[in-house]
Amino acid sequence: MLSLINVLFAFITLAILILVGRFVKQKIKLFQKLYLPESIIAGAIALLLGPGVVGSIAVALGYLRIVIWPGEYFPKLPAPSGPSPLESSSI
């Protein structure tokens, strides 16, 4: 389940990444000349770090309590019992 603490940690992580992106933009003049926004720089930094680094920080701090394995993004629901609405021909 998605809890409030996980959402809070996600917002804090995004805020820290945007602050780092702003700092990098101020220090590297090329990013200023290209007019790259801080959010794009922060996204590139997050992609370079990857889920292994950012996810391990979340697990180490104890904020990430859910584990999603590849391919299991949605819970498996049981199949509905009874006839399908598409199969009923009583119109």
Protein backbone atom coordinates (compact mmCIF):
# COMPACT_ATOMS: atom_id res chain seq x y z
CA MET A 1 0.00 0.00 0.00
CA LEU A 2 1.01 3.55 -0.60
CA SER A 3 1.23 5.35 2.71
CA LEU A 4 1.51 9.00 3.57
CA ILE A 5 5.14 8.65 4.67
CA ASN A 6 6.09 7.27 1.23
CA VAL A 7 4.42 10.22 -0.49
CA LEU A 8 6.17 12.63 1.87
CA PHE A 9 9.53 11.00 1.18
CA ALA A 10 8.90 11.25 -2.58
CA PHE A 11 8.21 15.00 -2.30
CA ILE A 12 11.29 15.52 -0.13
CA THR A 13 13.42 13.59 -2.64
CA LEU A 14 12.10 15.69 -5.52
CA ALA A 15 12.72 18.91 -3.61
CA ILE A 16 16.30 17.91 -2.83
CA LEU A 17 16.91 16.95 -6.46
CA ILE A 18 15.56 20.29 -7.69
CA LEU A 19 17.77 22.14 -5.20
CA VAL A 20 20.78 20.17 -6.45
CA GLY A 21 19.74 20.97 -10.02
CA ARG A 22 19.58 24.66 -9.15
CA PHE A 23 23.04 24.55 -7.55
CA VAL A 24 24.50 22.75 -10.58
CA LYS A 25 22.93 25.31 -12.92
CA GLN A 26 24.45 28.18 -10.96
CA LYS A 27 27.92 26.62 -10.99
CA ILE A 28 28.07 25.45 -14.62
CA LYS A 29 27.75 28.35 -17.04
CA LEU A 30 26.94 26.08 -20.01
CA PHE A 31 23.57 25.17 -18.46
CA GLN A 32 22.81 28.87 -18.03
CA LYS A 33 23.64 29.59 -21.68
CA LEU A 34 21.44 26.70 -22.84
CA TYR A 35 18.52 27.99 -20.71
CA LEU A 36 17.98 24.55 -19.19
CA PRO A 37 15.49 24.60 -16.32
CA GLU A 38 16.48 23.21 -12.94
CA SER A 39 13.88 20.47 -13.22
CA ILE A 40 15.49 19.08 -16.38
CA ILE A 41 18.91 19.08 -14.72
CA ALA A 42 17.43 17.44 -11.61
CA GLY A 43 15.78 14.77 -13.77
CA ALA A 44 19.07 14.06 -15.53
CA ILE A 45 20.81 13.74 -12.16
CA ALA A 46 18.10 11.36 -10.93
CA LEU A 47 18.46 9.28 -14.10
CA LEU A 48 22.22 9.14 -13.65
CA LEU A 49 21.85 8.07 -10.03
CA GLY A 50 19.19 5.54 -10.95
CA PRO A 51 16.73 3.69 -8.75
CA GLY A 52 19.54 1.72 -7.12
CA VAL A 53 21.02 4.79 -5.44
CA VAL A 54 17.82 6.70 -4.71
CA GLY A 55 15.98 3.52 -3.71
CA SER A 56 18.76 2.39 -1.40
CA ILE A 57 18.65 5.75 0.36
CA ALA A 58 14.91 5.29 0.88
CA VAL A 59 15.35 1.76 2.22
CA ALA A 60 18.25 2.79 4.48
CA LEU A 61 16.17 5.56 6.01
CA GLY A 62 13.25 3.17 6.45
CA TYR A 63 10.78 5.19 4.40
CA LEU A 64 10.22 2.67 1.64
CA ARG A 65 8.11 -0.14 2.99
CA ILE A 66 6.64 -1.45 -0.25
CA VAL A 67 8.53 -3.65 -2.68
CA ILE A 68 7.44 -3.81 -6.31
CA TRP A 69 9.09 -6.48 -8.39
CA PRO A 70 9.46 -5.95 -12.13
CA GLY A 71 6.21 -6.75 -13.88
CA GLU A 72 4.08 -6.51 -10.74
CA TYR A 73 2.96 -2.90 -10.85
CA PHE A 74 -0.68 -3.72 -10.22
CA PRO A 75 -2.07 -6.25 -7.77
CA LYS A 76 -3.51 -9.41 -9.27
CA LEU A 77 -7.27 -9.35 -8.85
CA PRO A 78 -9.33 -12.52 -8.79
CA ALA A 79 -11.31 -13.31 -11.92
CA PRO A 80 -14.97 -12.28 -11.69
CA SER A 81 -17.46 -15.10 -11.32
CA GLY A 82 -20.52 -15.45 -13.51
CA PRO A 83 -21.13 -14.62 -17.15
CA SER A 84 -19.29 -11.81 -18.83
CA PRO A 85 -21.32 -8.67 -19.64
CA LEU A 86 -20.19 -9.02 -23.24
CA GLU A 87 -21.55 -12.56 -23.49
CA SER A 88 -25.09 -11.75 -22.32
CA SER A 89 -27.40 -11.45 -25.31
CA SER A 90 -30.63 -10.54 -23.53
CA ILE A 91 -31.30 -7.11 -25.02
